Amino acid sequence: MRIFNFKKLLNSLRTALFGLRIALEEQTFQMMVVIATLTIFLAFYFKIVFIEKIIIILLVVLILALELINTQIEKVLDILEPTYNPKIKIIKDISAGAVLLACLGALIIGILIFLPYL
């Protein structure tokens, strides 16, 4: 019995990278990647303390992952119900609201972290 299958690992990695490439076709995800890149650049530019850099990176990853999940939910719902359905709209709105809430929280934390450096 083989414990570690390197070929399966590479295939999983390839699949995940393909998923990220698909997500990068979404305008919202593109915008979030640009903001994330700028935020991480500023964290290193201002030479904020190590723990603050960790917090910034964690928030960036959290928001991008949450946006991927939101996109996934929307795509599944579009397959299940291709025509407009007000019940489906509510689910999509709630999912988008979760991303917005995380973004607002990250914005507040970002202001608290970056403000002393400005």
Protein backbone atom coordinates (compact mmCIF):
# COMPACT_ATOMS: atom_id res chain seq x y z
CA MET A 1 0.00 0.00 0.00
CA ARG A 2 1.29 3.40 -0.99
CA ILE A 3 1.01 6.07 1.71
CA PHE A 4 1.86 9.12 -0.36
CA ASN A 5 0.81 9.49 -3.96
CA PHE A 6 2.76 12.38 -5.48
CA LYS A 7 0.84 12.11 -8.77
CA LYS A 8 -2.51 12.56 -6.98
CA LEU A 9 -1.10 15.54 -5.10
CA LEU A 10 0.04 17.19 -8.33
CA ASN A 11 -3.34 16.53 -9.91
CA SER A 12 -5.11 18.11 -6.91
CA LEU A 13 -2.82 21.12 -7.10
CA ARG A 14 -3.45 21.46 -10.85
CA THR A 15 -7.21 21.30 -10.25
CA ALA A 16 -7.04 23.96 -7.52
CA LEU A 17 -4.95 26.27 -9.69
CA PHE A 18 -7.44 25.82 -12.53
CA GLY A 19 -10.20 26.84 -10.11
CA LEU A 20 -8.28 29.99 -9.19
CA ARG A 21 -7.80 30.77 -12.88
CA ILE A 22 -11.55 30.45 -13.43
CA ALA A 23 -12.21 32.71 -10.42
CA LEU A 24 -9.85 35.32 -11.85
CA GLU A 25 -12.27 35.69 -14.76
CA GLU A 26 -14.80 37.15 -12.29
CA GLN A 27 -14.64 40.94 -12.03
CA THR A 28 -15.27 41.00 -8.28
CA PHE A 29 -12.46 38.53 -7.60
CA GLN A 30 -10.10 40.51 -9.85
CA MET A 31 -10.88 43.67 -7.90
CA MET A 32 -10.30 41.89 -4.59
CA VAL A 33 -6.95 40.50 -5.79
CA VAL A 34 -5.82 44.02 -6.76
CA ILE A 35 -6.86 45.41 -3.36
CA ALA A 36 -5.24 42.45 -1.59
CA THR A 37 -1.97 42.94 -3.48
CA LEU A 38 -1.95 46.66 -2.69
CA THR A 39 -2.72 45.99 0.98
CA ILE A 40 0.09 43.46 1.34
CA PHE A 41 2.48 45.80 -0.51
CA LEU A 42 1.58 48.62 1.91
CA ALA A 43 2.08 46.33 4.89
CA PHE A 44 5.69 45.78 3.83
CA TYR A 45 6.22 49.33 2.60
CA PHE A 46 5.24 50.86 5.95
CA LYS A 47 7.27 48.21 7.78
CA ILE A 48 4.43 47.44 10.17
CA VAL A 49 5.24 45.03 12.98
CA PHE A 50 5.32 41.30 12.30
CA ILE A 51 2.05 40.39 14.06
CA GLU A 52 0.23 43.12 12.13
CA LYS A 53 1.59 41.71 8.86
CA ILE A 54 0.26 38.30 9.87
CA ILE A 55 -3.16 39.80 10.63
CA ILE A 56 -3.23 41.60 7.27
CA ILE A 57 -2.26 38.45 5.36
CA LEU A 58 -4.84 36.36 7.27
CA LEU A 59 -7.57 38.87 6.50
CA VAL A 60 -6.62 38.99 2.82
CA VAL A 61 -6.68 35.19 2.56
CA LEU A 62 -9.97 35.00 4.48
CA ILE A 63 -11.69 37.49 2.19
CA LEU A 64 -10.38 35.92 -1.02
CA ALA A 65 -11.41 32.44 0.18
CA LEU A 66 -14.84 33.74 1.18
CA GLU A 67 -15.26 35.33 -2.24
CA LEU A 68 -14.35 32.00 -3.86
CA ILE A 69 -17.05 30.29 -1.78
CA ASN A 70 -19.53 33.03 -2.70
CA THR A 71 -18.74 32.56 -6.39
CA GLN A 72 -19.10 28.81 -6.00
CA ILE A 73 -22.53 29.18 -4.39
CA GLU A 74 -23.67 31.52 -7.16
CA LYS A 75 -22.47 29.15 -9.90
CA VAL A 76 -24.22 26.15 -8.32
CA LEU A 77 -27.44 28.11 -7.92
CA ASP A 78 -27.24 29.28 -11.54
CA ILE A 79 -27.05 25.64 -12.62
CA LEU A 80 -29.91 24.57 -10.35
CA GLU A 81 -32.14 27.51 -11.28
CA PRO A 82 -31.07 29.21 -14.52
CA THR A 83 -34.12 31.51 -14.62
CA TYR A 84 -34.73 34.30 -12.15
CA ASN A 85 -36.08 33.08 -8.84
CA PRO A 86 -36.59 35.47 -5.89
CA LYS A 87 -35.74 32.70 -3.40
CA ILE A 88 -32.42 32.04 -5.16
CA LYS A 89 -31.74 35.79 -5.18
CA ILE A 90 -32.11 35.85 -1.38
CA ILE A 91 -29.54 33.06 -1.01
CA LYS A 92 -27.12 34.87 -3.35
CA ASP A 93 -27.66 38.16 -1.50
CA ILE A 94 -26.96 36.53 1.87
CA SER A 95 -23.79 34.94 0.48
CA ALA A 96 -22.64 38.30 -0.91
CA GLY A 97 -23.53 39.88 2.44
CA ALA A 98 -21.13 37.51 4.20
CA VAL A 99 -18.31 38.70 1.94
CA LEU A 100 -19.27 42.33 2.50
CA LEU A 101 -19.30 41.84 6.28
CA ALA A 102 -15.82 40.30 6.18
CA CYS A 103 -14.60 43.18 3.97
CA LEU A 104 -15.99 45.80 6.35
CA GLY A 105 -14.37 44.07 9.31
CA ALA A 106 -11.06 43.88 7.44
CA LEU A 107 -11.36 47.56 6.50
CA ILE A 108 -11.82 48.57 10.14
CA ILE A 109 -8.90 46.39 11.24
CA GLY A 110 -6.80 47.75 8.34
CA ILE A 111 -7.54 51.33 9.37
CA LEU A 112 -6.58 50.55 12.97
CA ILE A 113 -3.32 48.96 11.82
CA PHE A 114 -2.29 51.46 9.14
CA LEU A 115 -3.45 54.71 10.78
CA PRO A 116 -0.40 55.11 13.08
CA TYR A 117 1.87 54.78 10.03
CA LEU A 118 0.17 57.49 7.98
